[in-house]
Amino acid sequence: IFTAGLFVVGFDQGHVFSLVYGDQAFTD
């Protein structure tokens, strides 16, 4: 849970939502 939270807060640039929204998540 800590590692996932650290990724989301510190490094996510649309990667998590790209699983659902595709390339649009990297723009939004």
PDB file of all heavy atoms in Angstrom:
ATOM      1  N   ILE A   1       0.836  -1.203   0.000  1.00  0.00           N
ATOM      2  CA  ILE A   1       0.000   0.000   0.000  1.00  0.00           C
ATOM      3  C   ILE A   1       0.872   1.255   0.000  1.00  0.00           C
ATOM      4  O   ILE A   1       0.602   2.220  -0.729  1.00  0.00           O
ATOM      5  CB  ILE A   1      -0.963  -0.004   1.210  1.00  0.00           C
ATOM      6  CG1 ILE A   1      -2.011  -1.111   1.021  1.00  0.00           C
ATOM      7  CG2 ILE A   1      -1.620   1.346   1.398  1.00  0.00           C
ATOM      8  CD1 ILE A   1      -2.835  -1.379   2.255  1.00  0.00           C
ATOM      9  N   PHE A   2       1.936   1.253   0.790  1.00  0.00           N
ATOM     10  CA  PHE A   2       2.847   2.405   0.837  1.00  0.00           C
ATOM     11  C   PHE A   2       3.513   2.628  -0.513  1.00  0.00           C
ATOM     12  O   PHE A   2       3.583   3.760  -1.000  1.00  0.00           O
ATOM     13  CB  PHE A   2       3.904   2.186   1.921  1.00  0.00           C
ATOM     14  CG  PHE A   2       4.958   3.251   1.938  1.00  0.00           C
ATOM     15  CD1 PHE A   2       4.696   4.489   2.497  1.00  0.00           C
ATOM     16  CD2 PHE A   2       6.206   3.020   1.381  1.00  0.00           C
ATOM     17  CE1 PHE A   2       5.667   5.485   2.502  1.00  0.00           C
ATOM     18  CE2 PHE A   2       7.175   3.999   1.383  1.00  0.00           C
ATOM     19  CZ  PHE A   2       6.904   5.240   1.937  1.00  0.00           C
ATOM     20  N   THR A   3       3.984   1.553  -1.138  1.00  0.00           N
ATOM     21  CA  THR A   3       4.651   1.670  -2.427  1.00  0.00           C
ATOM     22  C   THR A   3       3.696   2.179  -3.501  1.00  0.00           C
ATOM     23  O   THR A   3       4.061   3.047  -4.308  1.00  0.00           O
ATOM     24  CB  THR A   3       5.251   0.311  -2.854  1.00  0.00           C
ATOM     25  OG1 THR A   3       6.127  -0.147  -1.814  1.00  0.00           O
ATOM     26  CG2 THR A   3       6.018   0.422  -4.141  1.00  0.00           C
ATOM     27  N   ALA A   4       2.480   1.663  -3.513  1.00  0.00           N
ATOM     28  CA  ALA A   4       1.489   2.125  -4.485  1.00  0.00           C
ATOM     29  C   ALA A   4       1.149   3.599  -4.247  1.00  0.00           C
ATOM     30  O   ALA A   4       1.042   4.377  -5.197  1.00  0.00           O
ATOM     31  CB  ALA A   4       0.229   1.270  -4.410  1.00  0.00           C
ATOM     32  N   GLY A   5       0.994   3.991  -2.997  1.00  0.00           N
ATOM     33  CA  GLY A   5       0.702   5.383  -2.684  1.00  0.00           C
ATOM     34  C   GLY A   5       1.841   6.309  -3.057  1.00  0.00           C
ATOM     35  O   GLY A   5       1.624   7.414  -3.570  1.00  0.00           O
ATOM     36  N   LEU A   6       3.067   5.865  -2.825  1.00  0.00           N
ATOM     37  CA  LEU A   6       4.233   6.663  -3.199  1.00  0.00           C
ATOM     38  C   LEU A   6       4.304   6.850  -4.709  1.00  0.00           C
ATOM     39  O   LEU A   6       4.602   7.939  -5.198  1.00  0.00           O
ATOM     40  CB  LEU A   6       5.508   5.993  -2.689  1.00  0.00           C
ATOM     41  CG  LEU A   6       6.808   6.739  -2.931  1.00  0.00           C
ATOM     42  CD1 LEU A   6       6.817   8.035  -2.130  1.00  0.00           C
ATOM     43  CD2 LEU A   6       7.988   5.869  -2.550  1.00  0.00           C
ATOM     44  N   PHE A   7       3.988   5.801  -5.453  1.00  0.00           N
ATOM     45  CA  PHE A   7       3.979   5.916  -6.913  1.00  0.00           C
ATOM     46  C   PHE A   7       2.916   6.907  -7.374  1.00  0.00           C
ATOM     47  O   PHE A   7       3.189   7.768  -8.215  1.00  0.00           O
ATOM     48  CB  PHE A   7       3.729   4.548  -7.560  1.00  0.00           C
ATOM     49  CG  PHE A   7       3.532   4.639  -9.044  1.00  0.00           C
ATOM     50  CD1 PHE A   7       4.610   4.829  -9.883  1.00  0.00           C
ATOM     51  CD2 PHE A   7       2.260   4.577  -9.588  1.00  0.00           C
ATOM     52  CE1 PHE A   7       4.435   4.941 -11.248  1.00  0.00           C
ATOM     53  CE2 PHE A   7       2.072   4.682 -10.945  1.00  0.00           C
ATOM     54  CZ  PHE A   7       3.162   4.864 -11.785  1.00  0.00           C
ATOM     55  N   VAL A   8       1.720   6.786  -6.819  1.00  0.00           N
ATOM     56  CA  VAL A   8       0.624   7.663  -7.246  1.00  0.00           C
ATOM     57  C   VAL A   8       0.936   9.115  -6.922  1.00  0.00           C
ATOM     58  O   VAL A   8       0.766  10.004  -7.757  1.00  0.00           O
ATOM     59  CB  VAL A   8      -0.711   7.224  -6.601  1.00  0.00           C
ATOM     60  CG1 VAL A   8      -1.776   8.283  -6.782  1.00  0.00           C
ATOM     61  CG2 VAL A   8      -1.167   5.911  -7.194  1.00  0.00           C
ATOM     62  N   VAL A   9       1.423   9.379  -5.719  1.00  0.00           N
ATOM     63  CA  VAL A   9       1.691  10.756  -5.322  1.00  0.00           C
ATOM     64  C   VAL A   9       2.931  11.302  -6.019  1.00  0.00           C
ATOM     65  O   VAL A   9       2.945  12.434  -6.483  1.00  0.00           O
ATOM     66  CB  VAL A   9       1.852  10.861  -3.786  1.00  0.00           C
ATOM     67  CG1 VAL A   9       2.355  12.228  -3.385  1.00  0.00           C
ATOM     68  CG2 VAL A   9       0.537  10.572  -3.105  1.00  0.00           C
ATOM     69  N   GLY A  10       3.972  10.505  -6.111  1.00  0.00           N
ATOM     70  CA  GLY A  10       5.231  11.031  -6.585  1.00  0.00           C
ATOM     71  C   GLY A  10       5.524  10.898  -8.055  1.00  0.00           C
ATOM     72  O   GLY A  10       6.216  11.748  -8.621  1.00  0.00           O
ATOM     73  N   PHE A  11       5.036   9.864  -8.695  1.00  0.00           N
ATOM     74  CA  PHE A  11       5.515   9.587 -10.035  1.00  0.00           C
ATOM     75  C   PHE A  11       4.443   9.427 -11.109  1.00  0.00           C
ATOM     76  O   PHE A  11       4.780   9.387 -12.291  1.00  0.00           O
ATOM     77  CB  PHE A  11       6.375   8.317 -10.020  1.00  0.00           C
ATOM     78  CG  PHE A  11       7.555   8.431  -9.105  1.00  0.00           C
ATOM     79  CD1 PHE A  11       7.570   7.761  -7.899  1.00  0.00           C
ATOM     80  CD2 PHE A  11       8.637   9.228  -9.436  1.00  0.00           C
ATOM     81  CE1 PHE A  11       8.653   7.870  -7.046  1.00  0.00           C
ATOM     82  CE2 PHE A  11       9.720   9.337  -8.593  1.00  0.00           C
ATOM     83  CZ  PHE A  11       9.731   8.656  -7.394  1.00  0.00           C
ATOM     84  N   ASP A  12       3.195   9.312 -10.736  1.00  0.00           N
ATOM     85  CA  ASP A  12       2.165   9.044 -11.739  1.00  0.00           C
ATOM     86  C   ASP A  12       1.958  10.243 -12.656  1.00  0.00           C
ATOM     87  O   ASP A  12       1.769  11.363 -12.202  1.00  0.00           O
ATOM     88  CB  ASP A  12       0.834   8.691 -11.073  1.00  0.00           C
ATOM     89  CG  ASP A  12      -0.218   8.371 -12.103  1.00  0.00           C
ATOM     90  OD1 ASP A  12      -0.039   7.380 -12.812  1.00  0.00           O
ATOM     91  OD2 ASP A  12      -1.202   9.119 -12.194  1.00  0.00           O
ATOM     92  N   GLN A  13       2.030   9.997 -13.939  1.00  0.00           N
ATOM     93  CA  GLN A  13       1.771  11.019 -14.944  1.00  0.00           C
ATOM     94  C   GLN A  13       0.701  10.522 -15.913  1.00  0.00           C
ATOM     95  O   GLN A  13       0.793  10.734 -17.112  1.00  0.00           O
ATOM     96  CB  GLN A  13       3.060  11.340 -15.706  1.00  0.00           C
ATOM     97  CG  GLN A  13       4.135  11.968 -14.873  1.00  0.00           C
ATOM     98  CD  GLN A  13       3.805  13.393 -14.476  1.00  0.00           C
ATOM     99  OE1 GLN A  13       3.092  14.102 -15.174  1.00  0.00           O
ATOM    100  NE2 GLN A  13       4.299  13.802 -13.337  1.00  0.00           N
ATOM    101  N   GLY A  14      -0.294   9.822 -15.378  1.00  0.00           N
ATOM    102  CA  GLY A  14      -1.363   9.296 -16.200  1.00  0.00           C
ATOM    103  C   GLY A  14      -1.302   7.787 -16.362  1.00  0.00           C
ATOM    104  O   GLY A  14      -2.151   7.194 -17.017  1.00  0.00           O
ATOM    105  N   HIS A  15      -0.322   7.141 -15.752  1.00  0.00           N
ATOM    106  CA  HIS A  15      -0.141   5.706 -15.925  1.00  0.00           C
ATOM    107  C   HIS A  15      -1.292   4.883 -15.351  1.00  0.00           C
ATOM    108  O   HIS A  15      -1.711   3.904 -15.956  1.00  0.00           O
ATOM    109  CB  HIS A  15       1.172   5.259 -15.284  1.00  0.00           C
ATOM    110  CG  HIS A  15       2.367   5.909 -15.890  1.00  0.00           C
ATOM    111  ND1 HIS A  15       2.893   7.068 -15.367  1.00  0.00           N
ATOM    112  CD2 HIS A  15       3.121   5.586 -16.960  1.00  0.00           C
ATOM    113  CE1 HIS A  15       3.926   7.418 -16.093  1.00  0.00           C
ATOM    114  NE2 HIS A  15       4.089   6.541 -17.076  1.00  0.00           N
ATOM    115  N   VAL A  16      -1.780   5.263 -14.183  1.00  0.00           N
ATOM    116  CA  VAL A  16      -2.826   4.478 -13.523  1.00  0.00           C
ATOM    117  C   VAL A  16      -4.117   4.514 -14.335  1.00  0.00           C
ATOM    118  O   VAL A  16      -4.708   3.475 -14.619  1.00  0.00           O
ATOM    119  CB  VAL A  16      -3.067   4.984 -12.081  1.00  0.00           C
ATOM    120  CG1 VAL A  16      -4.234   4.265 -11.450  1.00  0.00           C
ATOM    121  CG2 VAL A  16      -1.810   4.794 -11.240  1.00  0.00           C
ATOM    122  N   PHE A  17      -4.555   5.696 -14.727  1.00  0.00           N
ATOM    123  CA  PHE A  17      -5.801   5.805 -15.475  1.00  0.00           C
ATOM    124  C   PHE A  17      -5.649   5.401 -16.937  1.00  0.00           C
ATOM    125  O   PHE A  17      -6.639   5.234 -17.642  1.00  0.00           O
ATOM    126  CB  PHE A  17      -6.381   7.209 -15.381  1.00  0.00           C
ATOM    127  CG  PHE A  17      -7.127   7.470 -14.101  1.00  0.00           C
ATOM    128  CD1 PHE A  17      -7.239   8.751 -13.602  1.00  0.00           C
ATOM    129  CD2 PHE A  17      -7.722   6.444 -13.391  1.00  0.00           C
ATOM    130  CE1 PHE A  17      -7.933   8.996 -12.431  1.00  0.00           C
ATOM    131  CE2 PHE A  17      -8.411   6.680 -12.221  1.00  0.00           C
ATOM    132  CZ  PHE A  17      -8.515   7.953 -11.742  1.00  0.00           C
ATOM    133  N   SER A  18      -4.416   5.259 -17.418  1.00  0.00           N
ATOM    134  CA  SER A  18      -4.242   4.848 -18.812  1.00  0.00           C
ATOM    135  C   SER A  18      -4.734   3.422 -19.039  1.00  0.00           C
ATOM    136  O   SER A  18      -5.032   3.050 -20.164  1.00  0.00           O
ATOM    137  CB  SER A  18      -2.779   4.958 -19.235  1.00  0.00           C
ATOM    138  OG  SER A  18      -1.995   3.964 -18.602  1.00  0.00           O
ATOM    139  N   LEU A  19      -4.847   2.652 -17.968  1.00  0.00           N
ATOM    140  CA  LEU A  19      -5.392   1.309 -18.083  1.00  0.00           C
ATOM    141  C   LEU A  19      -6.857   1.341 -18.501  1.00  0.00           C
ATOM    142  O   LEU A  19      -7.348   0.425 -19.152  1.00  0.00           O
ATOM    143  CB  LEU A  19      -5.243   0.554 -16.765  1.00  0.00           C
ATOM    144  CG  LEU A  19      -3.811   0.381 -16.252  1.00  0.00           C
ATOM    145  CD1 LEU A  19      -3.821  -0.184 -14.854  1.00  0.00           C
ATOM    146  CD2 LEU A  19      -3.020  -0.491 -17.190  1.00  0.00           C
ATOM    147  N   VAL A  20      -7.553   2.411 -18.117  1.00  0.00           N
ATOM    148  CA  VAL A  20      -8.978   2.545 -18.420  1.00  0.00           C
ATOM    149  C   VAL A  20      -9.219   3.504 -19.590  1.00  0.00           C
ATOM    150  O   VAL A  20      -9.962   3.187 -20.508  1.00  0.00           O
ATOM    151  CB  VAL A  20      -9.749   3.041 -17.173  1.00  0.00           C
ATOM    152  CG1 VAL A  20     -11.214   3.219 -17.489  1.00  0.00           C
ATOM    153  CG2 VAL A  20      -9.552   2.095 -16.010  1.00  0.00           C
ATOM    154  N   TYR A  21      -8.554   4.683 -19.545  1.00  0.00           N
ATOM    155  CA  TYR A  21      -8.830   5.730 -20.527  1.00  0.00           C
ATOM    156  C   TYR A  21      -7.892   5.727 -21.730  1.00  0.00           C
ATOM    157  O   TYR A  21      -8.098   6.497 -22.663  1.00  0.00           O
ATOM    158  CB  TYR A  21      -8.759   7.106 -19.862  1.00  0.00           C
ATOM    159  CG  TYR A  21      -9.837   7.335 -18.843  1.00  0.00           C
ATOM    160  CD1 TYR A  21      -9.535   7.550 -17.513  1.00  0.00           C
ATOM    161  CD2 TYR A  21     -11.171   7.347 -19.216  1.00  0.00           C
ATOM    162  CE1 TYR A  21     -10.520   7.749 -16.575  1.00  0.00           C
ATOM    163  CE2 TYR A  21     -12.173   7.556 -18.282  1.00  0.00           C
ATOM    164  CZ  TYR A  21     -11.837   7.756 -16.968  1.00  0.00           C
ATOM    165  OH  TYR A  21     -12.813   7.957 -16.050  1.00  0.00           O
ATOM    166  N   GLY A  22      -6.850   4.935 -21.689  1.00  0.00           N
ATOM    167  CA  GLY A  22      -5.911   4.891 -22.813  1.00  0.00           C
ATOM    168  C   GLY A  22      -5.010   6.109 -22.828  1.00  0.00           C
ATOM    169  O   GLY A  22      -4.666   6.674 -21.794  1.00  0.00           O
ATOM    170  N   ASP A  23      -4.641   6.552 -24.035  1.00  0.00           N
ATOM    171  CA  ASP A  23      -3.697   7.663 -24.182  1.00  0.00           C
ATOM    172  C   ASP A  23      -4.256   8.994 -23.684  1.00  0.00           C
ATOM    173  O   ASP A  23      -3.488   9.905 -23.362  1.00  0.00           O
ATOM    174  CB  ASP A  23      -3.280   7.811 -25.645  1.00  0.00           C
ATOM    175  CG  ASP A  23      -2.368   6.668 -26.082  1.00  0.00           C
ATOM    176  OD1 ASP A  23      -1.721   6.076 -25.203  1.00  0.00           O
ATOM    177  OD2 ASP A  23      -2.318   6.385 -27.288  1.00  0.00           O
ATOM    178  N   GLN A  24      -5.562   9.119 -23.599  1.00  0.00           N
ATOM    179  CA  GLN A  24      -6.174  10.362 -23.107  1.00  0.00           C
ATOM    180  C   GLN A  24      -5.786  10.641 -21.658  1.00  0.00           C
ATOM    181  O   GLN A  24      -5.701  11.789 -21.243  1.00  0.00           O
ATOM    182  CB  GLN A  24      -7.702  10.292 -23.245  1.00  0.00           C
ATOM    183  CG  GLN A  24      -8.415  11.569 -22.888  1.00  0.00           C
ATOM    184  CD  GLN A  24      -8.051  12.728 -23.804  1.00  0.00           C
ATOM    185  OE1 GLN A  24      -7.770  12.541 -24.981  1.00  0.00           O
ATOM    186  NE2 GLN A  24      -8.038  13.930 -23.258  1.00  0.00           N
ATOM    187  N   ALA A  25      -5.501   9.615 -20.883  1.00  0.00           N
ATOM    188  CA  ALA A  25      -5.134   9.794 -19.477  1.00  0.00           C
ATOM    189  C   ALA A  25      -3.809  10.540 -19.336  1.00  0.00           C
ATOM    190  O   ALA A  25      -3.612  11.270 -18.368  1.00  0.00           O
ATOM    191  CB  ALA A  25      -5.033   8.437 -18.780  1.00  0.00           C
ATOM    192  N   PHE A  26      -2.908  10.386 -20.294  1.00  0.00           N
ATOM    193  CA  PHE A  26      -1.628  11.100 -20.243  1.00  0.00           C
ATOM    194  C   PHE A  26      -1.802  12.585 -20.536  1.00  0.00           C
ATOM    195  O   PHE A  26      -0.973  13.397 -20.157  1.00  0.00           O
ATOM    196  CB  PHE A  26      -0.630  10.480 -21.223  1.00  0.00           C
ATOM    197  CG  PHE A  26      -0.234   9.072 -20.856  1.00  0.00           C
ATOM    198  CD1 PHE A  26      -0.720   7.999 -21.578  1.00  0.00           C
ATOM    199  CD2 PHE A  26       0.602   8.830 -19.783  1.00  0.00           C
ATOM    200  CE1 PHE A  26      -0.361   6.709 -21.249  1.00  0.00           C
ATOM    201  CE2 PHE A  26       0.956   7.541 -19.432  1.00  0.00           C
ATOM    202  CZ  PHE A  26       0.480   6.481 -20.167  1.00  0.00           C
ATOM    203  N   THR A  27      -2.886  12.950 -21.182  1.00  0.00           N
ATOM    204  CA  THR A  27      -3.184  14.352 -21.451  1.00  0.00           C
ATOM    205  C   THR A  27      -3.933  14.989 -20.288  1.00  0.00           C
ATOM    206  O   THR A  27      -3.647  16.115 -19.893  1.00  0.00           O
ATOM    207  CB  THR A  27      -4.035  14.476 -22.736  1.00  0.00           C
ATOM    208  OG1 THR A  27      -3.352  13.827 -23.801  1.00  0.00           O
ATOM    209  CG2 THR A  27      -4.279  15.925 -23.090  1.00  0.00           C
ATOM    210  N   ASP A  28      -4.893  14.251 -19.709  1.00  0.00           N
ATOM    211  CA  ASP A  28      -5.743  14.810 -18.653  1.00  0.00           C
ATOM    212  C   ASP A  28      -5.036  14.881 -17.299  1.00  0.00           C
ATOM    213  O   ASP A  28      -5.260  15.824 -16.547  1.00  0.00           O
ATOM    214  CB  ASP A  28      -7.020  13.996 -18.516  1.00  0.00           C
ATOM    215  CG  ASP A  28      -7.888  14.106 -19.755  1.00  0.00           C
ATOM    216  OD1 ASP A  28      -7.734  15.090 -20.506  1.00  0.00           O
ATOM    217  OD2 ASP A  28      -8.716  13.202 -19.966  1.00  0.00           O
TER     218      ASP A  28
END
